[in-house]
Amino acid sequence: ETGSHIIAMRAKILNDYRAFLQDAYHKMSGIDLVPDF
């Protein structure tokens, strides 16, 4: 019960967080490599 909630929330937040990571990396690096996870 509790573990399913944790996994579902992790998946949801990470899906939203991905775009912020890619934007931050491009801003700092200035190169076209795509960060992901």
Full PDB file with SEQRES, HELIX, SHEET, SSBOND, CRYST1, ORIGX, SCALE, CONECT and MASTER records, all heavy atoms in Angstrom:
SEQRES   1 A   37  GLU THR GLY SER HIS ILE ILE ALA MET ARG ALA LYS ILE          
SEQRES   2 A   37  LEU ASN ASP TYR ARG ALA PHE LEU GLN ASP ALA TYR HIS          
SEQRES   3 A   37  LYS MET SER GLY ILE ASP LEU VAL PRO ASP PHE                  
HELIX    1 AA1 THR A    2  SER A   29  1                                  28    
CRYST1    1.000    1.000    1.000  90.00  90.00  90.00 P 1           1          
ORIGX1      1.000000  0.000000  0.000000        0.00000                         
ORIGX2      0.000000  1.000000  0.000000        0.00000                         
ORIGX3      0.000000  0.000000  1.000000        0.00000                         
SCALE1      1.000000  0.000000  0.000000        0.00000                         
SCALE2      0.000000  1.000000  0.000000        0.00000                         
SCALE3      0.000000  0.000000  1.000000        0.00000                         
ATOM      1  N   GLU A   1       0.821  -1.204   0.000  1.00  0.00           N  
ATOM      2  CA  GLU A   1       0.000   0.000   0.000  1.00  0.00           C  
ATOM      3  C   GLU A   1       0.861   1.263   0.000  1.00  0.00           C  
ATOM      4  O   GLU A   1       0.697   2.149  -0.842  1.00  0.00           O  
ATOM      5  CB  GLU A   1      -0.923  -0.005   1.213  1.00  0.00           C  
ATOM      6  CG  GLU A   1      -1.876   1.169   1.288  1.00  0.00           C  
ATOM      7  CD  GLU A   1      -2.885   1.197   0.153  1.00  0.00           C  
ATOM      8  OE1 GLU A   1      -3.118   0.138  -0.466  1.00  0.00           O  
ATOM      9  OE2 GLU A   1      -3.424   2.283  -0.129  1.00  0.00           O  
ATOM     10  N   THR A   2       1.765   1.372   0.963  1.00  0.00           N  
ATOM     11  CA  THR A   2       2.596   2.580   1.047  1.00  0.00           C  
ATOM     12  C   THR A   2       3.634   2.622  -0.068  1.00  0.00           C  
ATOM     13  O   THR A   2       3.899   3.679  -0.650  1.00  0.00           O  
ATOM     14  CB  THR A   2       3.302   2.668   2.410  1.00  0.00           C  
ATOM     15  OG1 THR A   2       4.065   1.464   2.629  1.00  0.00           O  
ATOM     16  CG2 THR A   2       2.294   2.815   3.537  1.00  0.00           C  
ATOM     17  N   GLY A   3       4.205   1.479  -0.407  1.00  0.00           N  
ATOM     18  CA  GLY A   3       5.227   1.441  -1.454  1.00  0.00           C  
ATOM     19  C   GLY A   3       4.682   1.827  -2.814  1.00  0.00           C  
ATOM     20  O   GLY A   3       5.365   2.495  -3.598  1.00  0.00           O  
ATOM     21  N   SER A   4       3.443   1.446  -3.106  1.00  0.00           N  
ATOM     22  CA  SER A   4       2.827   1.802  -4.390  1.00  0.00           C  
ATOM     23  C   SER A   4       2.630   3.307  -4.500  1.00  0.00           C  
ATOM     24  O   SER A   4       2.833   3.896  -5.571  1.00  0.00           O  
ATOM     25  CB  SER A   4       1.484   1.087  -4.541  1.00  0.00           C  
ATOM     26  OG  SER A   4       1.658  -0.315  -4.546  1.00  0.00           O  
ATOM     27  N   HIS A   5       2.229   3.935  -3.397  1.00  0.00           N  
ATOM     28  CA  HIS A   5       2.085   5.396  -3.396  1.00  0.00           C  
ATOM     29  C   HIS A   5       3.424   6.065  -3.675  1.00  0.00           C  
ATOM     30  O   HIS A   5       3.501   7.047  -4.433  1.00  0.00           O  
ATOM     31  CB  HIS A   5       1.541   5.869  -2.051  1.00  0.00           C  
ATOM     32  CG  HIS A   5       0.125   5.461  -1.802  1.00  0.00           C  
ATOM     33  ND1 HIS A   5      -0.525   5.732  -0.622  1.00  0.00           N  
ATOM     34  CD2 HIS A   5      -0.770   4.805  -2.570  1.00  0.00           C  
ATOM     35  CE1 HIS A   5      -1.753   5.257  -0.681  1.00  0.00           C  
ATOM     36  NE2 HIS A   5      -1.926   4.688  -1.849  1.00  0.00           N  
ATOM     37  N   ILE A   6       4.485   5.568  -3.053  1.00  0.00           N  
ATOM     38  CA  ILE A   6       5.816   6.158  -3.216  1.00  0.00           C  
ATOM     39  C   ILE A   6       6.277   6.051  -4.667  1.00  0.00           C  
ATOM     40  O   ILE A   6       6.752   7.029  -5.268  1.00  0.00           O  
ATOM     41  CB  ILE A   6       6.818   5.465  -2.268  1.00  0.00           C  
ATOM     42  CG1 ILE A   6       6.521   5.851  -0.819  1.00  0.00           C  
ATOM     43  CG2 ILE A   6       8.260   5.823  -2.641  1.00  0.00           C  
ATOM     44  CD1 ILE A   6       7.274   5.017   0.204  1.00  0.00           C  
ATOM     45  N   ILE A   7       6.140   4.883  -5.253  1.00  0.00           N  
ATOM     46  CA  ILE A   7       6.590   4.675  -6.634  1.00  0.00           C  
ATOM     47  C   ILE A   7       5.804   5.559  -7.601  1.00  0.00           C  
ATOM     48  O   ILE A   7       6.372   6.188  -8.505  1.00  0.00           O  
ATOM     49  CB  ILE A   7       6.455   3.188  -7.013  1.00  0.00           C  
ATOM     50  CG1 ILE A   7       7.439   2.349  -6.202  1.00  0.00           C  
ATOM     51  CG2 ILE A   7       6.698   2.987  -8.514  1.00  0.00           C  
ATOM     52  CD1 ILE A   7       7.210   0.850  -6.310  1.00  0.00           C  
ATOM     53  N   ALA A   8       4.484   5.615  -7.415  1.00  0.00           N  
ATOM     54  CA  ALA A   8       3.648   6.425  -8.304  1.00  0.00           C  
ATOM     55  C   ALA A   8       4.009   7.907  -8.216  1.00  0.00           C  
ATOM     56  O   ALA A   8       4.077   8.604  -9.238  1.00  0.00           O  
ATOM     57  CB  ALA A   8       2.181   6.217  -7.959  1.00  0.00           C  
ATOM     58  N   MET A   9       4.256   8.391  -7.006  1.00  0.00           N  
ATOM     59  CA  MET A   9       4.615   9.796  -6.842  1.00  0.00           C  
ATOM     60  C   MET A   9       5.994  10.083  -7.410  1.00  0.00           C  
ATOM     61  O   MET A   9       6.204  11.125  -8.054  1.00  0.00           O  
ATOM     62  CB  MET A   9       4.564  10.184  -5.366  1.00  0.00           C  
ATOM     63  CG  MET A   9       4.901  11.642  -5.095  1.00  0.00           C  
ATOM     64  SD  MET A   9       3.775  12.810  -5.893  1.00  0.00           S  
ATOM     65  CE  MET A   9       2.452  12.834  -4.679  1.00  0.00           C  
ATOM     66  N   ARG A  10       6.939   9.186  -7.222  1.00  0.00           N  
ATOM     67  CA  ARG A  10       8.269   9.371  -7.797  1.00  0.00           C  
ATOM     68  C   ARG A  10       8.187   9.474  -9.313  1.00  0.00           C  
ATOM     69  O   ARG A  10       8.815  10.353  -9.922  1.00  0.00           O  
ATOM     70  CB  ARG A  10       9.186   8.207  -7.406  1.00  0.00           C  
ATOM     71  CG  ARG A  10       9.686   8.250  -5.978  1.00  0.00           C  
ATOM     72  CD  ARG A  10      10.523   7.014  -5.653  1.00  0.00           C  
ATOM     73  NE  ARG A  10      11.086   7.084  -4.302  1.00  0.00           N  
ATOM     74  CZ  ARG A  10      11.785   6.102  -3.728  1.00  0.00           C  
ATOM     75  NH1 ARG A  10      12.024   4.985  -4.394  1.00  0.00           N  
ATOM     76  NH2 ARG A  10      12.252   6.256  -2.495  1.00  0.00           N  
ATOM     77  N   ALA A  11       7.422   8.597  -9.926  1.00  0.00           N  
ATOM     78  CA  ALA A  11       7.298   8.607 -11.385  1.00  0.00           C  
ATOM     79  C   ALA A  11       6.665   9.908 -11.870  1.00  0.00           C  
ATOM     80  O   ALA A  11       7.108  10.490 -12.867  1.00  0.00           O  
ATOM     81  CB  ALA A  11       6.471   7.405 -11.843  1.00  0.00           C  
ATOM     82  N   LYS A  12       5.644  10.372 -11.170  1.00  0.00           N  
ATOM     83  CA  LYS A  12       4.956  11.604 -11.566  1.00  0.00           C  
ATOM     84  C   LYS A  12       5.868  12.818 -11.450  1.00  0.00           C  
ATOM     85  O   LYS A  12       5.980  13.634 -12.380  1.00  0.00           O  
ATOM     86  CB  LYS A  12       3.710  11.814 -10.709  1.00  0.00           C  
ATOM     87  CG  LYS A  12       2.972  13.115 -10.988  1.00  0.00           C  
ATOM     88  CD  LYS A  12       1.803  13.295 -10.045  1.00  0.00           C  
ATOM     89  CE  LYS A  12       1.040  14.589 -10.352  1.00  0.00           C  
ATOM     90  NZ  LYS A  12       1.905  15.790 -10.237  1.00  0.00           N  
ATOM     91  N   ILE A  13       6.522  12.971 -10.299  1.00  0.00           N  
ATOM     92  CA  ILE A  13       7.376  14.137 -10.077  1.00  0.00           C  
ATOM     93  C   ILE A  13       8.560  14.133 -11.034  1.00  0.00           C  
ATOM     94  O   ILE A  13       8.931  15.172 -11.600  1.00  0.00           O  
ATOM     95  CB  ILE A  13       7.849  14.188  -8.618  1.00  0.00           C  
ATOM     96  CG1 ILE A  13       6.662  14.417  -7.673  1.00  0.00           C  
ATOM     97  CG2 ILE A  13       8.909  15.267  -8.423  1.00  0.00           C  
ATOM     98  CD1 ILE A  13       5.929  15.715  -7.902  1.00  0.00           C  
ATOM     99  N   LEU A  14       9.169  12.982 -11.237  1.00  0.00           N  
ATOM    100  CA  LEU A  14      10.318  12.908 -12.134  1.00  0.00           C  
ATOM    101  C   LEU A  14       9.935  13.270 -13.565  1.00  0.00           C  
ATOM    102  O   LEU A  14      10.729  13.879 -14.298  1.00  0.00           O  
ATOM    103  CB  LEU A  14      10.934  11.505 -12.082  1.00  0.00           C  
ATOM    104  CG  LEU A  14      11.753  11.202 -10.830  1.00  0.00           C  
ATOM    105  CD1 LEU A  14      12.113   9.711 -10.776  1.00  0.00           C  
ATOM    106  CD2 LEU A  14      13.012  12.051 -10.774  1.00  0.00           C  
ATOM    107  N   ASN A  15       8.740  12.904 -13.977  1.00  0.00           N  
ATOM    108  CA  ASN A  15       8.283  13.252 -15.313  1.00  0.00           C  
ATOM    109  C   ASN A  15       8.207  14.772 -15.491  1.00  0.00           C  
ATOM    110  O   ASN A  15       8.560  15.315 -16.538  1.00  0.00           O  
ATOM    111  CB  ASN A  15       6.919  12.621 -15.570  1.00  0.00           C  
ATOM    112  CG  ASN A  15       6.455  12.808 -16.999  1.00  0.00           C  
ATOM    113  OD1 ASN A  15       7.135  12.429 -17.949  1.00  0.00           O  
ATOM    114  ND2 ASN A  15       5.291  13.417 -17.162  1.00  0.00           N  
ATOM    115  N   ASP A  16       7.764  15.475 -14.431  1.00  0.00           N  
ATOM    116  CA  ASP A  16       7.698  16.938 -14.470  1.00  0.00           C  
ATOM    117  C   ASP A  16       9.080  17.577 -14.332  1.00  0.00           C  
ATOM    118  O   ASP A  16       9.362  18.625 -14.917  1.00  0.00           O  
ATOM    119  CB  ASP A  16       6.788  17.456 -13.356  1.00  0.00           C  
ATOM    120  CG  ASP A  16       5.345  17.010 -13.523  1.00  0.00           C  
ATOM    121  OD1 ASP A  16       4.960  16.662 -14.651  1.00  0.00           O  
ATOM    122  OD2 ASP A  16       4.605  16.986 -12.522  1.00  0.00           O  
ATOM    123  N   TYR A  17       9.942  16.942 -13.550  1.00  0.00           N  
ATOM    124  CA  TYR A  17      11.255  17.489 -13.219  1.00  0.00           C  
ATOM    125  C   TYR A  17      12.220  17.441 -14.408  1.00  0.00           C  
ATOM    126  O   TYR A  17      13.140  18.263 -14.509  1.00  0.00           O  
ATOM    127  CB  TYR A  17      11.817  16.706 -12.028  1.00  0.00           C  
ATOM    128  CG  TYR A  17      13.226  17.011 -11.625  1.00  0.00           C  
ATOM    129  CD1 TYR A  17      13.545  18.155 -10.897  1.00  0.00           C  
ATOM    130  CD2 TYR A  17      14.261  16.132 -11.959  1.00  0.00           C  
ATOM    131  CE1 TYR A  17      14.852  18.423 -10.515  1.00  0.00           C  
ATOM    132  CE2 TYR A  17      15.562  16.393 -11.573  1.00  0.00           C  
ATOM    133  CZ  TYR A  17      15.855  17.532 -10.860  1.00  0.00           C  
ATOM    134  OH  TYR A  17      17.143  17.787 -10.488  1.00  0.00           O  
ATOM    135  N   ARG A  18      12.005  16.502 -15.308  1.00  0.00           N  
ATOM    136  CA  ARG A  18      12.940  16.282 -16.425  1.00  0.00           C  
ATOM    137  C   ARG A  18      13.213  17.559 -17.217  1.00  0.00           C  
ATOM    138  O   ARG A  18      14.364  17.882 -17.534  1.00  0.00           O  
ATOM    139  CB  ARG A  18      12.392  15.191 -17.341  1.00  0.00           C  
ATOM    140  CG  ARG A  18      13.229  14.966 -18.595  1.00  0.00           C  
ATOM    141  CD  ARG A  18      12.691  13.828 -19.426  1.00  0.00           C  
ATOM    142  NE  ARG A  18      13.110  12.529 -18.895  1.00  0.00           N  
ATOM    143  CZ  ARG A  18      12.315  11.683 -18.255  1.00  0.00           C  
ATOM    144  NH1 ARG A  18      11.041  12.001 -18.039  1.00  0.00           N  
ATOM    145  NH2 ARG A  18      12.776  10.533 -17.820  1.00  0.00           N  
ATOM    146  N   ALA A  19      12.172  18.302 -17.543  1.00  0.00           N  
ATOM    147  CA  ALA A  19      12.336  19.515 -18.347  1.00  0.00           C  
ATOM    148  C   ALA A  19      13.177  20.561 -17.623  1.00  0.00           C  
ATOM    149  O   ALA A  19      13.960  21.287 -18.246  1.00  0.00           O  
ATOM    150  CB  ALA A  19      10.968  20.097 -18.704  1.00  0.00           C  
ATOM    151  N   PHE A  20      13.035  20.642 -16.302  1.00  0.00           N  
ATOM    152  CA  PHE A  20      13.824  21.600 -15.518  1.00  0.00           C  
ATOM    153  C   PHE A  20      15.304  21.219 -15.536  1.00  0.00           C  
ATOM    154  O   PHE A  20      16.178  22.091 -15.599  1.00  0.00           O  
ATOM    155  CB  PHE A  20      13.297  21.657 -14.081  1.00  0.00           C  
ATOM    156  CG  PHE A  20      11.960  22.313 -13.951  1.00  0.00           C  
ATOM    157  CD1 PHE A  20      10.793  21.574 -14.075  1.00  0.00           C  
ATOM    158  CD2 PHE A  20      11.859  23.677 -13.715  1.00  0.00           C  
ATOM    159  CE1 PHE A  20       9.547  22.181 -13.961  1.00  0.00           C  
ATOM    160  CE2 PHE A  20      10.623  24.296 -13.597  1.00  0.00           C  
ATOM    161  CZ  PHE A  20       9.457  23.538 -13.728  1.00  0.00           C  
ATOM    162  N   LEU A  21      15.605  19.924 -15.464  1.00  0.00           N  
ATOM    163  CA  LEU A  21      16.990  19.472 -15.535  1.00  0.00           C  
ATOM    164  C   LEU A  21      17.606  19.808 -16.879  1.00  0.00           C  
ATOM    165  O   LEU A  21      18.728  20.325 -16.952  1.00  0.00           O  
ATOM    166  CB  LEU A  21      17.064  17.962 -15.284  1.00  0.00           C  
ATOM    167  CG  LEU A  21      18.431  17.321 -15.529  1.00  0.00           C  
ATOM    168  CD1 LEU A  21      19.484  17.897 -14.581  1.00  0.00           C  
ATOM    169  CD2 LEU A  21      18.352  15.803 -15.394  1.00  0.00           C  
ATOM    170  N   GLN A  22      16.904  19.540 -17.938  1.00  0.00           N  
ATOM    171  CA  GLN A  22      17.445  19.793 -19.267  1.00  0.00           C  
ATOM    172  C   GLN A  22      17.671  21.282 -19.504  1.00  0.00           C  
ATOM    173  O   GLN A  22      18.679  21.686 -20.084  1.00  0.00           O  
ATOM    174  CB  GLN A  22      16.509  19.191 -20.314  1.00  0.00           C  
ATOM    175  CG  GLN A  22      16.481  17.674 -20.250  1.00  0.00           C  
ATOM    176  CD  GLN A  22      15.508  17.028 -21.199  1.00  0.00           C  
ATOM    177  OE1 GLN A  22      14.661  17.703 -21.798  1.00  0.00           O  
ATOM    178  NE2 GLN A  22      15.583  15.710 -21.346  1.00  0.00           N  
ATOM    179  N   ASP A  23      16.752  22.106 -19.004  1.00  0.00           N  
ATOM    180  CA  ASP A  23      16.909  23.548 -19.152  1.00  0.00           C  
ATOM    181  C   ASP A  23      18.109  24.046 -18.344  1.00  0.00           C  
ATOM    182  O   ASP A  23      18.898  24.864 -18.833  1.00  0.00           O  
ATOM    183  CB  ASP A  23      15.635  24.258 -18.688  1.00  0.00           C  
ATOM    184  CG  ASP A  23      15.727  25.766 -18.846  1.00  0.00           C  
ATOM    185  OD1 ASP A  23      15.809  26.242 -19.991  1.00  0.00           O  
ATOM    186  OD2 ASP A  23      15.733  26.465 -17.818  1.00  0.00           O  
ATOM    187  N   ALA A  24      18.262  23.554 -17.107  1.00  0.00           N  
ATOM    188  CA  ALA A  24      19.376  23.982 -16.253  1.00  0.00           C  
ATOM    189  C   ALA A  24      20.715  23.562 -16.853  1.00  0.00           C  
ATOM    190  O   ALA A  24      21.685  24.338 -16.852  1.00  0.00           O  
ATOM    191  CB  ALA A  24      19.218  23.402 -14.853  1.00  0.00           C  
ATOM    192  N   TYR A  25      20.793  22.342 -17.381  1.00  0.00           N  
ATOM    193  CA  TYR A  25      22.054  21.859 -17.949  1.00  0.00           C  
ATOM    194  C   TYR A  25      22.441  22.658 -19.185  1.00  0.00           C  
ATOM    195  O   TYR A  25      23.604  23.044 -19.352  1.00  0.00           O  
ATOM    196  CB  TYR A  25      21.946  20.370 -18.296  1.00  0.00           C  
ATOM    197  CG  TYR A  25      23.268  19.754 -18.708  1.00  0.00           C  
ATOM    198  CD1 TYR A  25      24.127  19.230 -17.747  1.00  0.00           C  
ATOM    199  CD2 TYR A  25      23.672  19.722 -20.043  1.00  0.00           C  
ATOM    200  CE1 TYR A  25      25.353  18.684 -18.110  1.00  0.00           C  
ATOM    201  CE2 TYR A  25      24.880  19.173 -20.420  1.00  0.00           C  
ATOM    202  CZ  TYR A  25      25.726  18.663 -19.445  1.00  0.00           C  
ATOM    203  OH  TYR A  25      26.936  18.133 -19.799  1.00  0.00           O  
ATOM    204  N   HIS A  26      21.484  22.929 -20.038  1.00  0.00           N  
ATOM    205  CA  HIS A  26      21.790  23.702 -21.244  1.00  0.00           C  
ATOM    206  C   HIS A  26      22.211  25.125 -20.886  1.00  0.00           C  
ATOM    207  O   HIS A  26      23.104  25.704 -21.519  1.00  0.00           O  
ATOM    208  CB  HIS A  26      20.571  23.725 -22.165  1.00  0.00           C  
ATOM    209  CG  HIS A  26      20.254  22.392 -22.769  1.00  0.00           C  
ATOM    210  ND1 HIS A  26      18.987  22.000 -23.112  1.00  0.00           N  
ATOM    211  CD2 HIS A  26      21.065  21.343 -23.068  1.00  0.00           C  
ATOM    212  CE1 HIS A  26      19.023  20.780 -23.610  1.00  0.00           C  
ATOM    213  NE2 HIS A  26      20.264  20.358 -23.592  1.00  0.00           N  
ATOM    214  N   LYS A  27      21.589  25.689 -19.867  1.00  0.00           N  
ATOM    215  CA  LYS A  27      21.939  27.037 -19.444  1.00  0.00           C  
ATOM    216  C   LYS A  27      23.371  27.082 -18.904  1.00  0.00           C  
ATOM    217  O   LYS A  27      24.133  28.009 -19.198  1.00  0.00           O  
ATOM    218  CB  LYS A  27      20.956  27.505 -18.375  1.00  0.00           C  
ATOM    219  CG  LYS A  27      21.137  28.954 -17.932  1.00  0.00           C  
ATOM    220  CD  LYS A  27      20.050  29.339 -16.935  1.00  0.00           C  
ATOM    221  CE  LYS A  27      18.687  29.318 -17.583  1.00  0.00           C  
ATOM    222  NZ  LYS A  27      17.614  29.781 -16.672  1.00  0.00           N  
ATOM    223  N   MET A  28      23.746  26.082 -18.117  1.00  0.00           N  
ATOM    224  CA  MET A  28      25.080  26.065 -17.514  1.00  0.00           C  
ATOM    225  C   MET A  28      26.162  25.662 -18.505  1.00  0.00           C  
ATOM    226  O   MET A  28      27.272  26.191 -18.477  1.00  0.00           O  
ATOM    227  CB  MET A  28      25.098  25.113 -16.325  1.00  0.00           C  
ATOM    228  CG  MET A  28      24.402  25.642 -15.076  1.00  0.00           C  
ATOM    229  SD  MET A  28      25.216  27.122 -14.403  1.00  0.00           S  
ATOM    230  CE  MET A  28      26.848  26.487 -14.028  1.00  0.00           C  
ATOM    231  N   SER A  29      25.867  24.706 -19.368  1.00  0.00           N  
ATOM    232  CA  SER A  29      26.904  24.155 -20.240  1.00  0.00           C  
ATOM    233  C   SER A  29      27.053  24.919 -21.546  1.00  0.00           C  
ATOM    234  O   SER A  29      28.163  25.036 -22.087  1.00  0.00           O  
ATOM    235  CB  SER A  29      26.601  22.685 -20.559  1.00  0.00           C  
ATOM    236  OG  SER A  29      25.451  22.577 -21.382  1.00  0.00           O  
ATOM    237  N   GLY A  30      25.931  25.390 -22.104  1.00  0.00           N  
ATOM    238  CA  GLY A  30      25.974  26.054 -23.394  1.00  0.00           C  
ATOM    239  C   GLY A  30      26.231  25.119 -24.552  1.00  0.00           C  
ATOM    240  O   GLY A  30      26.575  25.552 -25.653  1.00  0.00           O  
ATOM    241  N   ILE A  31      26.071  23.802 -24.325  1.00  0.00           N  
ATOM    242  CA  ILE A  31      26.291  22.821 -25.391  1.00  0.00           C  
ATOM    243  C   ILE A  31      25.009  22.013 -25.599  1.00  0.00           C  
ATOM    244  O   ILE A  31      24.076  22.079 -24.799  1.00  0.00           O  
ATOM    245  CB  ILE A  31      27.470  21.880 -25.072  1.00  0.00           C  
ATOM    246  CG1 ILE A  31      27.247  21.174 -23.720  1.00  0.00           C  
ATOM    247  CG2 ILE A  31      28.776  22.665 -25.041  1.00  0.00           C  
ATOM    248  CD1 ILE A  31      28.362  20.227 -23.358  1.00  0.00           C  
ATOM    249  N   ASP A  32      24.986  21.212 -26.664  1.00  0.00           N  
ATOM    250  CA  ASP A  32      23.753  20.554 -27.086  1.00  0.00           C  
ATOM    251  C   ASP A  32      23.572  19.149 -26.529  1.00  0.00           C  
ATOM    252  O   ASP A  32      22.635  18.453 -26.925  1.00  0.00           O  
ATOM    253  CB  ASP A  32      23.697  20.485 -28.621  1.00  0.00           C  
ATOM    254  CG  ASP A  32      23.536  21.869 -29.233  1.00  0.00           C  
ATOM    255  OD1 ASP A  32      22.964  22.738 -28.564  1.00  0.00           O  
ATOM    256  OD2 ASP A  32      23.989  22.062 -30.374  1.00  0.00           O  
ATOM    257  N   LEU A  33      24.442  18.678 -25.646  1.00  0.00           N  
ATOM    258  CA  LEU A  33      24.238  17.363 -25.043  1.00  0.00           C  
ATOM    259  C   LEU A  33      22.936  17.365 -24.241  1.00  0.00           C  
ATOM    260  O   LEU A  33      22.631  18.331 -23.537  1.00  0.00           O  
ATOM    261  CB  LEU A  33      25.405  17.009 -24.124  1.00  0.00           C  
ATOM    262  CG  LEU A  33      26.765  16.781 -24.792  1.00  0.00           C  
ATOM    263  CD1 LEU A  33      27.823  16.472 -23.742  1.00  0.00           C  
ATOM    264  CD2 LEU A  33      26.682  15.642 -25.801  1.00  0.00           C  
ATOM    265  N   VAL A  34      22.183  16.273 -24.348  1.00  0.00           N  
ATOM    266  CA  VAL A  34      20.878  16.190 -23.695  1.00  0.00           C  
ATOM    267  C   VAL A  34      20.994  15.374 -22.404  1.00  0.00           C  
ATOM    268  O   VAL A  34      21.262  14.172 -22.449  1.00  0.00           O  
ATOM    269  CB  VAL A  34      19.826  15.553 -24.619  1.00  0.00           C  
ATOM    270  CG1 VAL A  34      18.489  15.442 -23.903  1.00  0.00           C  
ATOM    271  CG2 VAL A  34      19.690  16.363 -25.905  1.00  0.00           C  
ATOM    272  N   PRO A  35      20.790  16.002 -21.246  1.00  0.00           N  
ATOM    273  CA  PRO A  35      20.786  15.257 -19.987  1.00  0.00           C  
ATOM    274  C   PRO A  35      19.439  14.575 -19.787  1.00  0.00           C  
ATOM    275  O   PRO A  35      18.396  15.111 -20.157  1.00  0.00           O  
ATOM    276  CB  PRO A  35      21.009  16.349 -18.935  1.00  0.00           C  
ATOM    277  CG  PRO A  35      20.348  17.555 -19.537  1.00  0.00           C  
ATOM    278  CD  PRO A  35      20.555  17.438 -21.031  1.00  0.00           C  
ATOM    279  N   ASP A  36      19.466  13.403 -19.200  1.00  0.00           N  
ATOM    280  CA  ASP A  36      18.211  12.693 -18.957  1.00  0.00           C  
ATOM    281  C   ASP A  36      18.438  11.678 -17.838  1.00  0.00           C  
ATOM    282  O   ASP A  36      19.551  11.570 -17.292  1.00  0.00           O  
ATOM    283  CB  ASP A  36      17.740  11.987 -20.229  1.00  0.00           C  
ATOM    284  CG  ASP A  36      16.223  11.798 -20.272  1.00  0.00           C  
ATOM    285  OD1 ASP A  36      15.573  11.964 -19.214  1.00  0.00           O  
ATOM    286  OD2 ASP A  36      15.701  11.465 -21.339  1.00  0.00           O  
ATOM    287  N   PHE A  37      17.395  10.955 -17.495  1.00  0.00           N  
ATOM    288  CA  PHE A  37      17.500   9.923 -16.472  1.00  0.00           C  
ATOM    289  C   PHE A  37      16.429   8.872 -16.712  1.00  0.00           C  
ATOM    290  O   PHE A  37      15.403   9.116 -17.358  1.00  0.00           O  
ATOM    291  CB  PHE A  37      17.351  10.506 -15.062  1.00  0.00           C  
ATOM    292  CG  PHE A  37      16.136  11.373 -14.884  1.00  0.00           C  
ATOM    293  CD1 PHE A  37      14.872  10.830 -14.717  1.00  0.00           C  
ATOM    294  CD2 PHE A  37      16.257  12.756 -14.902  1.00  0.00           C  
ATOM    295  CE1 PHE A  37      13.762  11.629 -14.569  1.00  0.00           C  
ATOM    296  CE2 PHE A  37      15.149  13.568 -14.759  1.00  0.00           C  
ATOM    297  CZ  PHE A  37      13.891  12.999 -14.582  1.00  0.00           C  
TER     298      PHE A  37                                                      
MASTER        0    0    0    1    0    0    0    6  297    1    0    3          
END                                                                             
